[in-house]
Amino acid sequence: MDVMQERYLELLRCPTCHGELVLRDAREQDGEIWSGTLYCGSCETGYDIKEGIPFLMPEEHAEG
């Protein structure tokens, strides 16, 4: 199974404003990012990484 890796960061953009995403509070193992937050400094929105999967859905479309 492929999980989030740091090398993917340069490819990802904020789905809300298309700003650059920065990794925060990451838990990494063997080069794989298993949890943390992808944070957009432009619109100050954070997107969780859970079990190696980044959840990049804008909040207005996420299930409650």
PDB file of N, CA and C in Angstrom:
ATOM      1  N   MET A   1       0.847  -1.186   0.000  1.00  0.00           N
ATOM      2  CA  MET A   1       0.000   0.000   0.000  1.00  0.00           C
ATOM      3  C   MET A   1       0.886   1.241   0.000  1.00  0.00           C
ATOM      4  N   ASP A   2       0.566   2.191  -0.867  1.00  0.00           N
ATOM      5  CA  ASP A   2       1.293   3.454  -0.900  1.00  0.00           C
ATOM      6  C   ASP A   2       0.719   4.391   0.156  1.00  0.00           C
ATOM      7  N   VAL A   3       1.609   5.000   0.913  1.00  0.00           N
ATOM      8  CA  VAL A   3       1.197   5.995   1.898  1.00  0.00           C
ATOM      9  C   VAL A   3       1.893   7.308   1.574  1.00  0.00           C
ATOM     10  N   MET A   4       1.474   8.368   2.241  1.00  0.00           N
ATOM     11  CA  MET A   4       2.028   9.704   2.037  1.00  0.00           C
ATOM     12  C   MET A   4       3.531   9.697   2.272  1.00  0.00           C
ATOM     13  N   GLN A   5       4.269  10.287   1.342  1.00  0.00           N
ATOM     14  CA  GLN A   5       5.711  10.429   1.470  1.00  0.00           C
ATOM     15  C   GLN A   5       6.083  11.893   1.278  1.00  0.00           C
ATOM     16  N   GLU A   6       7.165  12.290   1.915  1.00  0.00           N
ATOM     17  CA  GLU A   6       7.572  13.699   1.870  1.00  0.00           C
ATOM     18  C   GLU A   6       7.815  14.183   0.444  1.00  0.00           C
ATOM     19  N   ARG A   7       8.274  13.316  -0.417  1.00  0.00           N
ATOM     20  CA  ARG A   7       8.554  13.728  -1.807  1.00  0.00           C
ATOM     21  C   ARG A   7       7.284  14.156  -2.554  1.00  0.00           C
ATOM     22  N   TYR A   8       6.109  13.749  -2.071  1.00  0.00           N
ATOM     23  CA  TYR A   8       4.845  14.140  -2.695  1.00  0.00           C
ATOM     24  C   TYR A   8       4.446  15.577  -2.357  1.00  0.00           C
ATOM     25  N   LEU A   9       5.027  16.153  -1.307  1.00  0.00           N
ATOM     26  CA  LEU A   9       4.614  17.485  -0.851  1.00  0.00           C
ATOM     27  C   LEU A   9       4.702  18.543  -1.945  1.00  0.00           C
ATOM     28  N   GLU A  10       5.738  18.483  -2.760  1.00  0.00           N
ATOM     29  CA  GLU A  10       5.893  19.500  -3.798  1.00  0.00           C
ATOM     30  C   GLU A  10       4.823  19.382  -4.885  1.00  0.00           C
ATOM     31  N   LEU A  11       4.142  18.256  -4.952  1.00  0.00           N
ATOM     32  CA  LEU A  11       3.095  18.052  -5.948  1.00  0.00           C
ATOM     33  C   LEU A  11       1.713  18.482  -5.468  1.00  0.00           C
ATOM     34  N   LEU A  12       1.523  18.542  -4.167  1.00  0.00           N
ATOM     35  CA  LEU A  12       0.207  18.827  -3.595  1.00  0.00           C
ATOM     36  C   LEU A  12      -0.012  20.322  -3.385  1.00  0.00           C
ATOM     37  N   ARG A  13      -1.246  20.767  -3.572  1.00  0.00           N
ATOM     38  CA  ARG A  13      -1.637  22.151  -3.336  1.00  0.00           C
ATOM     39  C   ARG A  13      -2.940  22.161  -2.542  1.00  0.00           C
ATOM     40  N   CYS A  14      -3.165  23.248  -1.865  1.00  0.00           N
ATOM     41  CA  CYS A  14      -4.389  23.422  -1.096  1.00  0.00           C
ATOM     42  C   CYS A  14      -5.586  23.373  -2.052  1.00  0.00           C
ATOM     43  N   PRO A  15      -6.586  22.525  -1.767  1.00  0.00           N
ATOM     44  CA  PRO A  15      -7.747  22.460  -2.652  1.00  0.00           C
ATOM     45  C   PRO A  15      -8.648  23.695  -2.555  1.00  0.00           C
ATOM     46  N   THR A  16      -8.478  24.498  -1.523  1.00  0.00           N
ATOM     47  CA  THR A  16      -9.303  25.692  -1.339  1.00  0.00           C
ATOM     48  C   THR A  16      -8.753  26.887  -2.105  1.00  0.00           C
ATOM     49  N   CYS A  17      -7.437  27.170  -1.932  1.00  0.00           N
ATOM     50  CA  CYS A  17      -6.868  28.374  -2.554  1.00  0.00           C
ATOM     51  C   CYS A  17      -5.677  28.080  -3.468  1.00  0.00           C
ATOM     52  N   HIS A  18      -5.271  26.816  -3.564  1.00  0.00           N
ATOM     53  CA  HIS A  18      -4.149  26.369  -4.394  1.00  0.00           C
ATOM     54  C   HIS A  18      -2.792  26.824  -3.864  1.00  0.00           C
ATOM     55  N   GLY A  19      -2.748  27.184  -2.582  1.00  0.00           N
ATOM     56  CA  GLY A  19      -1.496  27.572  -1.948  1.00  0.00           C
ATOM     57  C   GLY A  19      -0.610  26.366  -1.648  1.00  0.00           C
ATOM     58  N   GLU A  20       0.623  26.643  -1.273  1.00  0.00           N
ATOM     59  CA  GLU A  20       1.588  25.597  -0.927  1.00  0.00           C
ATOM     60  C   GLU A  20       1.237  24.990   0.433  1.00  0.00           C
ATOM     61  N   LEU A  21       1.389  23.679   0.540  1.00  0.00           N
ATOM     62  CA  LEU A  21       1.117  22.973   1.787  1.00  0.00           C
ATOM     63  C   LEU A  21       2.420  22.640   2.500  1.00  0.00           C
ATOM     64  N   VAL A  22       2.421  22.812   3.822  1.00  0.00           N
ATOM     65  CA  VAL A  22       3.586  22.534   4.661  1.00  0.00           C
ATOM     66  C   VAL A  22       3.202  21.443   5.649  1.00  0.00           C
ATOM     67  N   LEU A  23       4.099  20.499   5.854  1.00  0.00           N
ATOM     68  CA  LEU A  23       3.841  19.396   6.770  1.00  0.00           C
ATOM     69  C   LEU A  23       4.109  19.822   8.204  1.00  0.00           C
ATOM     70  N   ARG A  24       3.151  19.526   9.096  1.00  0.00           N
ATOM     71  CA  ARG A  24       3.286  19.841  10.525  1.00  0.00           C
ATOM     72  C   ARG A  24       2.962  18.601  11.358  1.00  0.00           C
ATOM     73  N   ASP A  25       3.614  18.502  12.505  1.00  0.00           N
ATOM     74  CA  ASP A  25       3.318  17.464  13.501  1.00  0.00           C
ATOM     75  C   ASP A  25       3.273  16.067  12.894  1.00  0.00           C
ATOM     76  N   ALA A  26       4.250  15.763  12.059  1.00  0.00           N
ATOM     77  CA  ALA A  26       4.248  14.483  11.351  1.00  0.00           C
ATOM     78  C   ALA A  26       4.793  13.347  12.209  1.00  0.00           C
ATOM     79  N   ARG A  27       4.210  12.175  12.016  1.00  0.00           N
ATOM     80  CA  ARG A  27       4.755  10.935  12.553  1.00  0.00           C
ATOM     81  C   ARG A  27       5.191  10.126  11.337  1.00  0.00           C
ATOM     82  N   GLU A  28       6.522   9.967  11.218  1.00  0.00           N
ATOM     83  CA  GLU A  28       7.089   9.295  10.058  1.00  0.00           C
ATOM     84  C   GLU A  28       7.771   8.003  10.477  1.00  0.00           C
ATOM     85  N   GLN A  29       7.778   7.048   9.544  1.00  0.00           N
ATOM     86  CA  GLN A  29       8.474   5.786   9.762  1.00  0.00           C
ATOM     87  C   GLN A  29       8.990   5.299   8.415  1.00  0.00           C
ATOM     88  N   ASP A  30      10.285   5.075   8.331  1.00  0.00           N
ATOM     89  CA  ASP A  30      10.916   4.571   7.110  1.00  0.00           C
ATOM     90  C   ASP A  30      10.580   5.422   5.884  1.00  0.00           C
ATOM     91  N   GLY A  31      10.593   6.747   6.044  1.00  0.00           N
ATOM     92  CA  GLY A  31      10.341   7.656   4.935  1.00  0.00           C
ATOM     93  C   GLY A  31       8.883   7.842   4.576  1.00  0.00           C
ATOM     94  N   GLU A  32       7.988   7.205   5.315  1.00  0.00           N
ATOM     95  CA  GLU A  32       6.562   7.330   5.062  1.00  0.00           C
ATOM     96  C   GLU A  32       5.909   8.168   6.160  1.00  0.00           C
ATOM     97  N   ILE A  33       4.982   9.026   5.771  1.00  0.00           N
ATOM     98  CA  ILE A  33       4.289   9.896   6.720  1.00  0.00           C
ATOM     99  C   ILE A  33       2.967   9.232   7.083  1.00  0.00           C
ATOM    100  N   TRP A  34       2.841   8.830   8.339  1.00  0.00           N
ATOM    101  CA  TRP A  34       1.656   8.097   8.788  1.00  0.00           C
ATOM    102  C   TRP A  34       0.595   8.998   9.396  1.00  0.00           C
ATOM    103  N   SER A  35       0.991  10.127   9.958  1.00  0.00           N
ATOM    104  CA  SER A  35       0.007  11.066  10.494  1.00  0.00           C
ATOM    105  C   SER A  35       0.631  12.451  10.542  1.00  0.00           C
ATOM    106  N   GLY A  36      -0.218  13.444  10.652  1.00  0.00           N
ATOM    107  CA  GLY A  36       0.231  14.825  10.708  1.00  0.00           C
ATOM    108  C   GLY A  36      -0.805  15.725  10.074  1.00  0.00           C
ATOM    109  N   THR A  37      -0.370  16.928   9.740  1.00  0.00           N
ATOM    110  CA  THR A  37      -1.258  17.912   9.127  1.00  0.00           C
ATOM    111  C   THR A  37      -0.539  18.572   7.960  1.00  0.00           C
ATOM    112  N   LEU A  38      -1.233  18.703   6.846  1.00  0.00           N
ATOM    113  CA  LEU A  38      -0.767  19.515   5.737  1.00  0.00           C
ATOM    114  C   LEU A  38      -1.423  20.874   5.918  1.00  0.00           C
ATOM    115  N   TYR A  39      -0.605  21.905   6.102  1.00  0.00           N
ATOM    116  CA  TYR A  39      -1.107  23.232   6.452  1.00  0.00           C
ATOM    117  C   TYR A  39      -0.849  24.212   5.317  1.00  0.00           C
ATOM    118  N   CYS A  40      -1.881  24.982   4.976  1.00  0.00           N
ATOM    119  CA  CYS A  40      -1.764  26.036   3.973  1.00  0.00           C
ATOM    120  C   CYS A  40      -1.630  27.376   4.681  1.00  0.00           C
ATOM    121  N   GLY A  41      -0.502  28.038   4.510  1.00  0.00           N
ATOM    122  CA  GLY A  41      -0.284  29.338   5.124  1.00  0.00           C
ATOM    123  C   GLY A  41      -1.075  30.451   4.456  1.00  0.00           C
ATOM    124  N   SER A  42      -1.473  30.253   3.206  1.00  0.00           N
ATOM    125  CA  SER A  42      -2.221  31.287   2.489  1.00  0.00           C
ATOM    126  C   SER A  42      -3.629  31.464   3.040  1.00  0.00           C
ATOM    127  N   CYS A  43      -4.346  30.362   3.209  1.00  0.00           N
ATOM    128  CA  CYS A  43      -5.728  30.465   3.706  1.00  0.00           C
ATOM    129  C   CYS A  43      -5.870  29.901   5.121  1.00  0.00           C
ATOM    130  N   GLU A  44      -4.736  29.531   5.722  1.00  0.00           N
ATOM    131  CA  GLU A  44      -4.682  29.043   7.105  1.00  0.00           C
ATOM    132  C   GLU A  44      -5.616  27.857   7.351  1.00  0.00           C
ATOM    133  N   THR A  45      -5.593  26.912   6.408  1.00  0.00           N
ATOM    134  CA  THR A  45      -6.406  25.708   6.516  1.00  0.00           C
ATOM    135  C   THR A  45      -5.494  24.506   6.698  1.00  0.00           C
ATOM    136  N   GLY A  46      -5.903  23.571   7.548  1.00  0.00           N
ATOM    137  CA  GLY A  46      -5.139  22.355   7.767  1.00  0.00           C
ATOM    138  C   GLY A  46      -5.892  21.137   7.268  1.00  0.00           C
ATOM    139  N   TYR A  47      -5.145  20.175   6.731  1.00  0.00           N
ATOM    140  CA  TYR A  47      -5.706  18.931   6.216  1.00  0.00           C
ATOM    141  C   TYR A  47      -4.975  17.775   6.891  1.00  0.00           C
ATOM    142  N   ASP A  48      -5.735  16.886   7.498  1.00  0.00           N
ATOM    143  CA  ASP A  48      -5.153  15.781   8.255  1.00  0.00           C
ATOM    144  C   ASP A  48      -4.583  14.700   7.354  1.00  0.00           C
ATOM    145  N   ILE A  49      -3.537  14.053   7.872  1.00  0.00           N
ATOM    146  CA  ILE A  49      -3.024  12.813   7.311  1.00  0.00           C
ATOM    147  C   ILE A  49      -3.311  11.756   8.367  1.00  0.00           C
ATOM    148  N   LYS A  50      -4.064  10.719   7.997  1.00  0.00           N
ATOM    149  CA  LYS A  50      -4.417   9.649   8.928  1.00  0.00           C
ATOM    150  C   LYS A  50      -4.083   8.309   8.293  1.00  0.00           C
ATOM    151  N   GLU A  51      -3.325   7.500   9.021  1.00  0.00           N
ATOM    152  CA  GLU A  51      -2.919   6.175   8.548  1.00  0.00           C
ATOM    153  C   GLU A  51      -2.280   6.251   7.164  1.00  0.00           C
ATOM    154  N   GLY A  52      -1.507   7.325   6.923  1.00  0.00           N
ATOM    155  CA  GLY A  52      -0.769   7.483   5.682  1.00  0.00           C
ATOM    156  C   GLY A  52      -1.550   8.080   4.529  1.00  0.00           C
ATOM    157  N   ILE A  53      -2.793   8.480   4.774  1.00  0.00           N
ATOM    158  CA  ILE A  53      -3.638   9.011   3.708  1.00  0.00           C
ATOM    159  C   ILE A  53      -3.952  10.482   3.980  1.00  0.00           C
ATOM    160  N   PRO A  54      -3.581  11.388   3.036  1.00  0.00           N
ATOM    161  CA  PRO A  54      -3.933  12.796   3.221  1.00  0.00           C
ATOM    162  C   PRO A  54      -5.395  13.030   2.829  1.00  0.00           C
ATOM    163  N   PHE A  55      -6.127  13.732   3.684  1.00  0.00           N
ATOM    164  CA  PHE A  55      -7.522  14.066   3.418  1.00  0.00           C
ATOM    165  C   PHE A  55      -7.578  15.523   2.982  1.00  0.00           C
ATOM    166  N   LEU A  56      -7.675  15.742   1.677  1.00  0.00           N
ATOM    167  CA  LEU A  56      -7.581  17.082   1.095  1.00  0.00           C
ATOM    168  C   LEU A  56      -8.929  17.629   0.644  1.00  0.00           C
ATOM    169  N   MET A  57     -10.000  17.129   1.202  1.00  0.00           N
ATOM    170  CA  MET A  57     -11.322  17.617   0.831  1.00  0.00           C
ATOM    171  C   MET A  57     -11.603  18.926   1.570  1.00  0.00           C
ATOM    172  N   PRO A  58     -12.015  19.966   0.837  1.00  0.00           N
ATOM    173  CA  PRO A  58     -12.380  21.214   1.509  1.00  0.00           C
ATOM    174  C   PRO A  58     -13.472  20.959   2.537  1.00  0.00           C
ATOM    175  N   GLU A  59     -13.434  21.693   3.634  1.00  0.00           N
ATOM    176  CA  GLU A  59     -14.335  21.475   4.766  1.00  0.00           C
ATOM    177  C   GLU A  59     -15.812  21.503   4.373  1.00  0.00           C
ATOM    178  N   GLU A  60     -16.186  22.372   3.437  1.00  0.00           N
ATOM    179  CA  GLU A  60     -17.599  22.471   3.072  1.00  0.00           C
ATOM    180  C   GLU A  60     -18.115  21.218   2.368  1.00  0.00           C
ATOM    181  N   HIS A  61     -17.201  20.356   1.881  1.00  0.00           N
ATOM    182  CA  HIS A  61     -17.598  19.122   1.209  1.00  0.00           C
ATOM    183  C   HIS A  61     -17.424  17.886   2.086  1.00  0.00           C
ATOM    184  N   ALA A  62     -16.787  18.035   3.231  1.00  0.00           N
ATOM    185  CA  ALA A  62     -16.543  16.892   4.115  1.00  0.00           C
ATOM    186  C   ALA A  62     -17.829  16.496   4.828  1.00  0.00           C
ATOM    187  N   GLU A  63     -17.924  15.202   5.098  1.00  0.00           N
ATOM    188  CA  GLU A  63     -19.081  14.712   5.850  1.00  0.00           C
ATOM    189  C   GLU A  63     -18.942  15.081   7.306  1.00  0.00           C
ATOM    190  N   GLY A  64     -20.046  15.413   7.961  1.00  0.00           N
ATOM    191  CA  GLY A  64     -20.028  15.852   9.344  1.00  0.00           C
ATOM    192  C   GLY A  64     -20.264  14.799  10.339  1.00  0.00           C
TER     193      GLY A  64
END
